[in-house]
Amino acid sequence: MQTRNKIYFASDFHLGAPNKNESIEREKKICNWLDEISKDAREIYLLGDLFDFWFEYKKVIPKGFERLKGKLAHLTDDGIKISLFIGNHDLWTFGYLENELGLNIYKKPEIIKINNLIFYLAHGDGLGKGNHLFKFIKSIYRNPICQFLFKILPSSIGISLAQKLSNRSKKKQNLNNELIGEKNLINYSKEILKNKHIDFFIFGHIHRPKIIEISKKSKYVNLGDWVTHFSYAELEKENLLLKNF
């Protein structure tokens, strides 16, 4: 058996979109990737938007994604630590992913030390200056009263409504918005560097796989996605690389 000494990072699977057939094919590819890296993975960090929509009702969760859920549960049972930083599409997790799949859930950015390196990890949504409308909408989504009101809707109505809102949001995405989002995250990272040393800032959300040196000792990393790029980051000792599966 290979020594498990590598750390992996990935984000933005967006399972459920754009339709069932394409989502299932993508899910199979993700599970093949997880099988491959499980041979040498010590930890896996998933930086949000695993699902295009996720909401846990008291006794109901969204239909589908059984391959991924089963694979994640198998890996955690096998001793691989898997952490999920929730994104703007899957922020409504209330215990199922932790209790059933064994994931460690983070609901805000975290600074974590790995292999003597300092990492700043977050999905990336709502960080930095600007984008006030998005931040306002996100505050509504996070509001406990709004979550309660959504939860009392019949699950079929709530999930259908949420999927329509998600599809509407994606239609507004374009290259210009991605470039603005990327610039905001880079500037946000530079502001943090004024007060604390970080070796790697790792984000998802923007869907643009990239490593940029933002100081002599610090790099900005965007993980890309598994919709177009099938990209991820691999850390071995102190060497971090972006790869495609």
C-alpha atoms as a PDB file:
ATOM      1  CA  MET A   1       0.000   0.000   0.000  1.00  0.00           C
ATOM      2  CA  GLN A   2       1.223   3.487  -0.873  1.00  0.00           C
ATOM      3  CA  THR A   3       1.996   5.894   1.936  1.00  0.00           C
ATOM      4  CA  ARG A   4      -0.807   8.391   2.408  1.00  0.00           C
ATOM      5  CA  ASN A   5       1.157  11.627   2.435  1.00  0.00           C
ATOM      6  CA  LYS A   6      -0.614  13.900  -0.058  1.00  0.00           C
ATOM      7  CA  ILE A   7      -3.229  16.575   0.503  1.00  0.00           C
ATOM      8  CA  TYR A   8      -5.854  17.292  -2.163  1.00  0.00           C
ATOM      9  CA  PHE A   9      -8.071  20.306  -2.772  1.00  0.00           C
ATOM     10  CA  ALA A  10     -11.081  20.566  -5.113  1.00  0.00           C
ATOM     11  CA  SER A  11     -14.283  22.572  -5.424  1.00  0.00           C
ATOM     12  CA  ASP A  12     -17.347  23.391  -7.497  1.00  0.00           C
ATOM     13  CA  PHE A  13     -18.698  20.010  -8.580  1.00  0.00           C
ATOM     14  CA  HIS A  14     -22.195  21.563  -8.980  1.00  0.00           C
ATOM     15  CA  LEU A  15     -23.859  18.161  -9.092  1.00  0.00           C
ATOM     16  CA  GLY A  16     -27.461  18.393 -10.235  1.00  0.00           C
ATOM     17  CA  ALA A  17     -26.687  20.894 -13.004  1.00  0.00           C
ATOM     18  CA  PRO A  18     -27.360  21.408 -15.839  1.00  0.00           C
ATOM     19  CA  ASN A  19     -29.446  18.227 -16.069  1.00  0.00           C
ATOM     20  CA  LYS A  20     -29.633  14.712 -14.612  1.00  0.00           C
ATOM     21  CA  ASN A  21     -27.682  12.894 -17.343  1.00  0.00           C
ATOM     22  CA  GLU A  22     -24.747  15.311 -17.487  1.00  0.00           C
ATOM     23  CA  SER A  23     -24.632  15.477 -13.694  1.00  0.00           C
ATOM     24  CA  ILE A  24     -24.459  11.684 -13.362  1.00  0.00           C
ATOM     25  CA  GLU A  25     -21.617  11.438 -15.895  1.00  0.00           C
ATOM     26  CA  ARG A  26     -19.723  14.138 -14.002  1.00  0.00           C
ATOM     27  CA  GLU A  27     -20.438  12.400 -10.687  1.00  0.00           C
ATOM     28  CA  LYS A  28     -18.952   9.159 -12.037  1.00  0.00           C
ATOM     29  CA  LYS A  29     -15.813  11.032 -13.101  1.00  0.00           C
ATOM     30  CA  ILE A  30     -15.494  12.648  -9.669  1.00  0.00           C
ATOM     31  CA  CYS A  31     -15.818   9.242  -7.996  1.00  0.00           C
ATOM     32  CA  ASN A  32     -13.126   7.845 -10.312  1.00  0.00           C
ATOM     33  CA  TRP A  33     -10.866  10.729  -9.239  1.00  0.00           C
ATOM     34  CA  LEU A  34     -11.584  10.032  -5.567  1.00  0.00           C
ATOM     35  CA  ASP A  35     -10.740   6.361  -6.116  1.00  0.00           C
ATOM     36  CA  GLU A  36      -7.451   7.354  -7.729  1.00  0.00           C
ATOM     37  CA  ILE A  37      -6.323   9.804  -5.048  1.00  0.00           C
ATOM     38  CA  SER A  38      -7.475   7.574  -2.170  1.00  0.00           C
ATOM     39  CA  LYS A  39      -4.325   5.528  -2.735  1.00  0.00           C
ATOM     40  CA  ASP A  40      -2.099   8.294  -1.333  1.00  0.00           C
ATOM     41  CA  ALA A  41      -4.464  10.911   0.166  1.00  0.00           C
ATOM     42  CA  ARG A  42      -4.030  11.821   3.826  1.00  0.00           C
ATOM     43  CA  GLU A  43      -6.599  14.625   3.694  1.00  0.00           C
ATOM     44  CA  ILE A  44      -9.048  16.020   1.145  1.00  0.00           C
ATOM     45  CA  TYR A  45     -10.362  19.581   1.293  1.00  0.00           C
ATOM     46  CA  LEU A  46     -13.539  20.317  -0.684  1.00  0.00           C
ATOM     47  CA  LEU A  47     -14.065  24.053  -0.977  1.00  0.00           C
ATOM     48  CA  GLY A  48     -17.768  24.292  -1.604  1.00  0.00           C
ATOM     49  CA  ASP A  49     -20.559  23.923  -4.155  1.00  0.00           C
ATOM     50  CA  LEU A  50     -20.407  20.147  -4.269  1.00  0.00           C
ATOM     51  CA  PHE A  51     -24.075  20.350  -5.174  1.00  0.00           C
ATOM     52  CA  ASP A  52     -25.844  22.917  -7.306  1.00  0.00           C
ATOM     53  CA  PHE A  53     -28.426  22.963  -4.536  1.00  0.00           C
ATOM     54  CA  TRP A  54     -28.454  21.366  -1.105  1.00  0.00           C
ATOM     55  CA  PHE A  55     -30.945  21.866   1.709  1.00  0.00           C
ATOM     56  CA  GLU A  56     -31.544  19.535   4.639  1.00  0.00           C
ATOM     57  CA  TYR A  57     -35.107  19.312   5.834  1.00  0.00           C
ATOM     58  CA  LYS A  58     -35.841  17.520   9.104  1.00  0.00           C
ATOM     59  CA  LYS A  59     -36.455  14.174   7.372  1.00  0.00           C
ATOM     60  CA  VAL A  60     -35.648  14.925   3.712  1.00  0.00           C
ATOM     61  CA  ILE A  61     -32.517  15.689   1.686  1.00  0.00           C
ATOM     62  CA  PRO A  62     -32.301  16.386  -2.072  1.00  0.00           C
ATOM     63  CA  LYS A  63     -32.683  13.318  -4.263  1.00  0.00           C
ATOM     64  CA  GLY A  64     -29.627  11.890  -6.024  1.00  0.00           C
ATOM     65  CA  PHE A  65     -25.835  12.067  -5.625  1.00  0.00           C
ATOM     66  CA  GLU A  66     -25.736   8.558  -4.138  1.00  0.00           C
ATOM     67  CA  ARG A  67     -22.436   7.671  -5.831  1.00  0.00           C
ATOM     68  CA  LEU A  68     -20.647  10.668  -4.356  1.00  0.00           C
ATOM     69  CA  LYS A  69     -22.199  10.335  -0.913  1.00  0.00           C
ATOM     70  CA  GLY A  70     -21.324   6.659  -0.744  1.00  0.00           C
ATOM     71  CA  LYS A  71     -17.776   7.290  -1.926  1.00  0.00           C
ATOM     72  CA  LEU A  72     -17.170  10.052   0.637  1.00  0.00           C
ATOM     73  CA  ALA A  73     -18.533   7.869   3.438  1.00  0.00           C
ATOM     74  CA  HIS A  74     -16.299   4.993   2.343  1.00  0.00           C
ATOM     75  CA  LEU A  75     -13.191   7.215   2.318  1.00  0.00           C
ATOM     76  CA  THR A  76     -13.837   8.683   5.759  1.00  0.00           C
ATOM     77  CA  ASP A  77     -14.529   5.180   7.095  1.00  0.00           C
ATOM     78  CA  ASP A  78     -11.136   4.238   5.656  1.00  0.00           C
ATOM     79  CA  GLY A  79      -9.424   6.945   7.722  1.00  0.00           C
ATOM     80  CA  ILE A  80      -9.068   9.752   5.168  1.00  0.00           C
ATOM     81  CA  LYS A  81      -9.967  13.110   6.685  1.00  0.00           C
ATOM     82  CA  ILE A  82     -12.350  15.054   4.430  1.00  0.00           C
ATOM     83  CA  SER A  83     -13.284  18.663   5.127  1.00  0.00           C
ATOM     84  CA  LEU A  84     -16.005  20.650   3.370  1.00  0.00           C
ATOM     85  CA  PHE A  85     -16.042  24.438   3.282  1.00  0.00           C
ATOM     86  CA  ILE A  86     -19.625  25.211   2.342  1.00  0.00           C
ATOM     87  CA  GLY A  87     -20.270  27.362  -0.725  1.00  0.00           C
ATOM     88  CA  ASN A  88     -23.126  29.609  -1.774  1.00  0.00           C
ATOM     89  CA  HIS A  89     -24.953  26.659  -3.398  1.00  0.00           C
ATOM     90  CA  ASP A  90     -24.680  24.201  -0.492  1.00  0.00           C
ATOM     91  CA  LEU A  91     -24.669  26.362   2.616  1.00  0.00           C
ATOM     92  CA  TRP A  92     -27.790  24.758   4.138  1.00  0.00           C
ATOM     93  CA  THR A  93     -26.189  21.785   5.842  1.00  0.00           C
ATOM     94  CA  PHE A  94     -27.447  21.050   9.332  1.00  0.00           C
ATOM     95  CA  GLY A  95     -25.770  17.811  10.367  1.00  0.00           C
ATOM     96  CA  TYR A  96     -26.433  15.159   7.728  1.00  0.00           C
ATOM     97  CA  LEU A  97     -23.091  15.465   5.923  1.00  0.00           C
ATOM     98  CA  GLU A  98     -21.223  15.364   9.235  1.00  0.00           C
ATOM     99  CA  ASN A  99     -23.164  12.549  10.874  1.00  0.00           C
ATOM    100  CA  GLU A 100     -23.767  10.295   7.863  1.00  0.00           C
ATOM    101  CA  LEU A 101     -20.699  10.908   5.667  1.00  0.00           C
ATOM    102  CA  GLY A 102     -18.138  11.809   8.331  1.00  0.00           C
ATOM    103  CA  LEU A 103     -17.215  15.179   6.832  1.00  0.00           C
ATOM    104  CA  ASN A 104     -15.750  18.063   8.820  1.00  0.00           C
ATOM    105  CA  ILE A 105     -17.862  21.120   7.977  1.00  0.00           C
ATOM    106  CA  TYR A 106     -16.549  24.686   7.943  1.00  0.00           C
ATOM    107  CA  LYS A 107     -18.995  27.562   7.496  1.00  0.00           C
ATOM    108  CA  LYS A 108     -16.476  30.381   7.344  1.00  0.00           C
ATOM    109  CA  PRO A 109     -12.880  30.897   6.157  1.00  0.00           C
ATOM    110  CA  GLU A 110     -10.214  29.141   8.190  1.00  0.00           C
ATOM    111  CA  ILE A 111      -6.444  29.460   8.557  1.00  0.00           C
ATOM    112  CA  ILE A 112      -4.944  25.968   8.762  1.00  0.00           C
ATOM    113  CA  LYS A 113      -1.356  24.739   9.053  1.00  0.00           C
ATOM    114  CA  ILE A 114      -0.479  21.828   6.753  1.00  0.00           C
ATOM    115  CA  ASN A 115       3.043  20.472   6.224  1.00  0.00           C
ATOM    116  CA  ASN A 116       4.567  23.542   7.928  1.00  0.00           C
ATOM    117  CA  LEU A 117       2.704  25.817   5.500  1.00  0.00           C
ATOM    118  CA  ILE A 118      -0.048  28.278   6.395  1.00  0.00           C
ATOM    119  CA  PHE A 119      -3.217  27.989   4.285  1.00  0.00           C
ATOM    120  CA  TYR A 120      -6.168  30.357   4.104  1.00  0.00           C
ATOM    121  CA  LEU A 121      -9.114  28.246   2.936  1.00  0.00           C
ATOM    122  CA  ALA A 122     -12.580  29.398   1.877  1.00  0.00           C
ATOM    123  CA  HIS A 123     -15.097  28.940  -0.905  1.00  0.00           C
ATOM    124  CA  GLY A 124     -14.606  32.616  -1.770  1.00  0.00           C
ATOM    125  CA  ASP A 125     -18.161  33.894  -2.142  1.00  0.00           C
ATOM    126  CA  GLY A 126     -18.902  37.293  -0.621  1.00  0.00           C
ATOM    127  CA  LEU A 127     -15.270  38.046   0.289  1.00  0.00           C
ATOM    128  CA  GLY A 128     -13.603  41.318  -0.550  1.00  0.00           C
ATOM    129  CA  LYS A 129     -15.086  44.671  -1.462  1.00  0.00           C
ATOM    130  CA  GLY A 130     -18.101  45.322  -3.654  1.00  0.00           C
ATOM    131  CA  ASN A 131     -20.854  42.949  -4.811  1.00  0.00           C
ATOM    132  CA  HIS A 132     -23.240  44.362  -2.222  1.00  0.00           C
ATOM    133  CA  LEU A 133     -26.352  42.795  -3.784  1.00  0.00           C
ATOM    134  CA  PHE A 134     -24.845  39.311  -3.561  1.00  0.00           C
ATOM    135  CA  LYS A 135     -23.813  39.902   0.056  1.00  0.00           C
ATOM    136  CA  PHE A 136     -27.327  41.090   0.906  1.00  0.00           C
ATOM    137  CA  ILE A 137     -28.907  38.009  -0.697  1.00  0.00           C
ATOM    138  CA  LYS A 138     -26.416  35.748   1.104  1.00  0.00           C
ATOM    139  CA  SER A 139     -27.338  37.341   4.446  1.00  0.00           C
ATOM    140  CA  ILE A 140     -30.966  36.427   3.735  1.00  0.00           C
ATOM    141  CA  TYR A 141     -30.003  32.833   2.918  1.00  0.00           C
ATOM    142  CA  ARG A 142     -28.051  32.584   6.182  1.00  0.00           C
ATOM    143  CA  ASN A 143     -30.781  34.148   8.318  1.00  0.00           C
ATOM    144  CA  PRO A 144     -32.233  31.513  10.726  1.00  0.00           C
ATOM    145  CA  ILE A 145     -35.765  32.912  10.373  1.00  0.00           C
ATOM    146  CA  CYS A 146     -35.595  32.754   6.560  1.00  0.00           C
ATOM    147  CA  GLN A 147     -34.217  29.222   6.771  1.00  0.00           C
ATOM    148  CA  PHE A 148     -37.086  28.213   9.064  1.00  0.00           C
ATOM    149  CA  LEU A 149     -39.666  29.706   6.694  1.00  0.00           C
ATOM    150  CA  PHE A 150     -38.097  27.874   3.755  1.00  0.00           C
ATOM    151  CA  LYS A 151     -37.992  24.642   5.742  1.00  0.00           C
ATOM    152  CA  ILE A 152     -41.749  24.668   6.394  1.00  0.00           C
ATOM    153  CA  LEU A 153     -42.450  24.687   2.653  1.00  0.00           C
ATOM    154  CA  PRO A 154     -43.184  21.230   1.203  1.00  0.00           C
ATOM    155  CA  SER A 155     -39.815  19.842   0.125  1.00  0.00           C
ATOM    156  CA  SER A 156     -40.922  19.377  -3.496  1.00  0.00           C
ATOM    157  CA  ILE A 157     -41.852  23.064  -3.763  1.00  0.00           C
ATOM    158  CA  GLY A 158     -38.786  24.326  -1.893  1.00  0.00           C
ATOM    159  CA  ILE A 159     -36.273  22.307  -3.907  1.00  0.00           C
ATOM    160  CA  SER A 160     -37.954  23.202  -7.227  1.00  0.00           C
ATOM    161  CA  LEU A 161     -37.913  26.897  -6.320  1.00  0.00           C
ATOM    162  CA  ALA A 162     -34.279  26.789  -5.239  1.00  0.00           C
ATOM    163  CA  GLN A 163     -33.204  25.046  -8.456  1.00  0.00           C
ATOM    164  CA  LYS A 164     -34.910  27.734 -10.545  1.00  0.00           C
ATOM    165  CA  LEU A 165     -33.125  30.472  -8.580  1.00  0.00           C
ATOM    166  CA  SER A 166     -29.794  28.662  -9.022  1.00  0.00           C
ATOM    167  CA  ASN A 167     -30.279  28.349 -12.794  1.00  0.00           C
ATOM    168  CA  ARG A 168     -31.240  32.012 -13.000  1.00  0.00           C
ATOM    169  CA  SER A 169     -28.097  32.992 -11.090  1.00  0.00           C
ATOM    170  CA  LYS A 170     -25.833  30.968 -13.422  1.00  0.00           C
ATOM    171  CA  LYS A 171     -27.287  32.671 -16.494  1.00  0.00           C
ATOM    172  CA  LYS A 172     -25.937  35.974 -15.163  1.00  0.00           C
ATOM    173  CA  GLN A 173     -22.392  34.623 -14.904  1.00  0.00           C
ATOM    174  CA  ASN A 174     -19.973  35.814 -17.551  1.00  0.00           C
ATOM    175  CA  LEU A 175     -16.256  36.319 -18.086  1.00  0.00           C
ATOM    176  CA  ASN A 176     -16.352  39.919 -16.884  1.00  0.00           C
ATOM    177  CA  ASN A 177     -17.961  38.914 -13.572  1.00  0.00           C
ATOM    178  CA  GLU A 178     -15.386  36.157 -13.138  1.00  0.00           C
ATOM    179  CA  LEU A 179     -12.526  38.587 -13.717  1.00  0.00           C
ATOM    180  CA  ILE A 180     -14.008  41.045 -11.214  1.00  0.00           C
ATOM    181  CA  GLY A 181     -14.477  38.223  -8.683  1.00  0.00           C
ATOM    182  CA  GLU A 182     -10.911  37.058  -9.198  1.00  0.00           C
ATOM    183  CA  LYS A 183      -9.566  40.600  -8.701  1.00  0.00           C
ATOM    184  CA  ASN A 184     -11.627  40.991  -5.513  1.00  0.00           C
ATOM    185  CA  LEU A 185     -10.252  37.756  -4.041  1.00  0.00           C
ATOM    186  CA  ILE A 186      -6.664  38.689  -4.904  1.00  0.00           C
ATOM    187  CA  ASN A 187      -7.073  42.128  -3.308  1.00  0.00           C
ATOM    188  CA  TYR A 188      -8.766  40.528  -0.298  1.00  0.00           C
ATOM    189  CA  SER A 189      -5.791  38.167   0.081  1.00  0.00           C
ATOM    190  CA  LYS A 190      -3.319  41.055  -0.130  1.00  0.00           C
ATOM    191  CA  GLU A 191      -5.168  42.887   2.651  1.00  0.00           C
ATOM    192  CA  ILE A 192      -4.869  39.851   4.937  1.00  0.00           C
ATOM    193  CA  LEU A 193      -1.147  39.628   4.164  1.00  0.00           C
ATOM    194  CA  LYS A 194      -0.654  43.081   5.690  1.00  0.00           C
ATOM    195  CA  ASN A 195      -1.297  41.576   9.140  1.00  0.00           C
ATOM    196  CA  LYS A 196      -0.496  37.868   8.825  1.00  0.00           C
ATOM    197  CA  HIS A 197       1.722  35.633   6.740  1.00  0.00           C
ATOM    198  CA  ILE A 198      -0.121  33.107   4.570  1.00  0.00           C
ATOM    199  CA  ASP A 199       1.673  30.752   2.191  1.00  0.00           C
ATOM    200  CA  PHE A 200      -1.361  29.819   0.091  1.00  0.00           C
ATOM    201  CA  PHE A 201      -4.794  31.398  -0.264  1.00  0.00           C
ATOM    202  CA  ILE A 202      -7.008  28.682  -1.768  1.00  0.00           C
ATOM    203  CA  PHE A 203     -10.490  29.447  -3.071  1.00  0.00           C
ATOM    204  CA  GLY A 204     -13.144  28.020  -5.364  1.00  0.00           C
ATOM    205  CA  HIS A 205     -16.234  29.913  -6.569  1.00  0.00           C
ATOM    206  CA  ILE A 206     -14.641  31.732  -9.546  1.00  0.00           C
ATOM    207  CA  HIS A 207     -14.201  28.573 -11.677  1.00  0.00           C
ATOM    208  CA  ARG A 208     -10.878  29.846 -13.075  1.00  0.00           C
ATOM    209  CA  PRO A 209      -7.998  27.424 -12.208  1.00  0.00           C
ATOM    210  CA  LYS A 210      -4.963  29.557 -11.525  1.00  0.00           C
ATOM    211  CA  ILE A 211      -1.942  30.085  -9.279  1.00  0.00           C
ATOM    212  CA  ILE A 212      -0.726  33.688  -8.936  1.00  0.00           C
ATOM    213  CA  GLU A 213       2.208  34.907  -6.870  1.00  0.00           C
ATOM    214  CA  ILE A 214       0.893  37.863  -4.851  1.00  0.00           C
ATOM    215  CA  SER A 215       4.037  38.373  -2.781  1.00  0.00           C
ATOM    216  CA  LYS A 216       7.498  36.838  -2.576  1.00  0.00           C
ATOM    217  CA  LYS A 217       6.241  34.207  -0.151  1.00  0.00           C
ATOM    218  CA  SER A 218       2.510  33.974  -0.829  1.00  0.00           C
ATOM    219  CA  LYS A 219       0.328  32.635  -3.654  1.00  0.00           C
ATOM    220  CA  TYR A 220      -3.312  32.943  -4.630  1.00  0.00           C
ATOM    221  CA  VAL A 221      -4.850  29.686  -5.869  1.00  0.00           C
ATOM    222  CA  ASN A 222      -8.214  29.151  -7.517  1.00  0.00           C
ATOM    223  CA  LEU A 223      -9.182  25.509  -7.866  1.00  0.00           C
ATOM    224  CA  GLY A 224     -11.328  25.925 -10.981  1.00  0.00           C
ATOM    225  CA  ASP A 225     -14.250  23.514 -11.239  1.00  0.00           C
ATOM    226  CA  TRP A 226     -15.488  20.076 -12.298  1.00  0.00           C
ATOM    227  CA  VAL A 227     -17.964  21.442 -14.829  1.00  0.00           C
ATOM    228  CA  THR A 228     -15.447  22.588 -17.443  1.00  0.00           C
ATOM    229  CA  HIS A 229     -11.902  22.148 -16.152  1.00  0.00           C
ATOM    230  CA  PHE A 230     -11.955  19.038 -13.899  1.00  0.00           C
ATOM    231  CA  SER A 231      -9.143  20.677 -11.966  1.00  0.00           C
ATOM    232  CA  TYR A 232      -7.746  20.203  -8.468  1.00  0.00           C
ATOM    233  CA  ALA A 233      -4.670  21.001  -6.379  1.00  0.00           C
ATOM    234  CA  GLU A 234      -2.235  18.453  -5.002  1.00  0.00           C
ATOM    235  CA  LEU A 235       0.127  19.138  -2.107  1.00  0.00           C
ATOM    236  CA  GLU A 236       3.117  16.862  -1.571  1.00  0.00           C
ATOM    237  CA  LYS A 237       5.379  17.997   1.263  1.00  0.00           C
ATOM    238  CA  GLU A 238       5.649  21.748   0.522  1.00  0.00           C
ATOM    239  CA  ASN A 239       5.044  21.581  -3.225  1.00  0.00           C
ATOM    240  CA  LEU A 240       1.556  22.532  -4.467  1.00  0.00           C
ATOM    241  CA  LEU A 241       0.481  21.909  -8.073  1.00  0.00           C
ATOM    242  CA  LEU A 242      -2.714  22.495 -10.034  1.00  0.00           C
ATOM    243  CA  LYS A 243      -3.706  19.454 -12.077  1.00  0.00           C
ATOM    244  CA  ASN A 244      -6.511  18.267 -14.358  1.00  0.00           C
ATOM    245  CA  PHE A 245      -8.148  14.855 -14.180  1.00  0.00           C
END
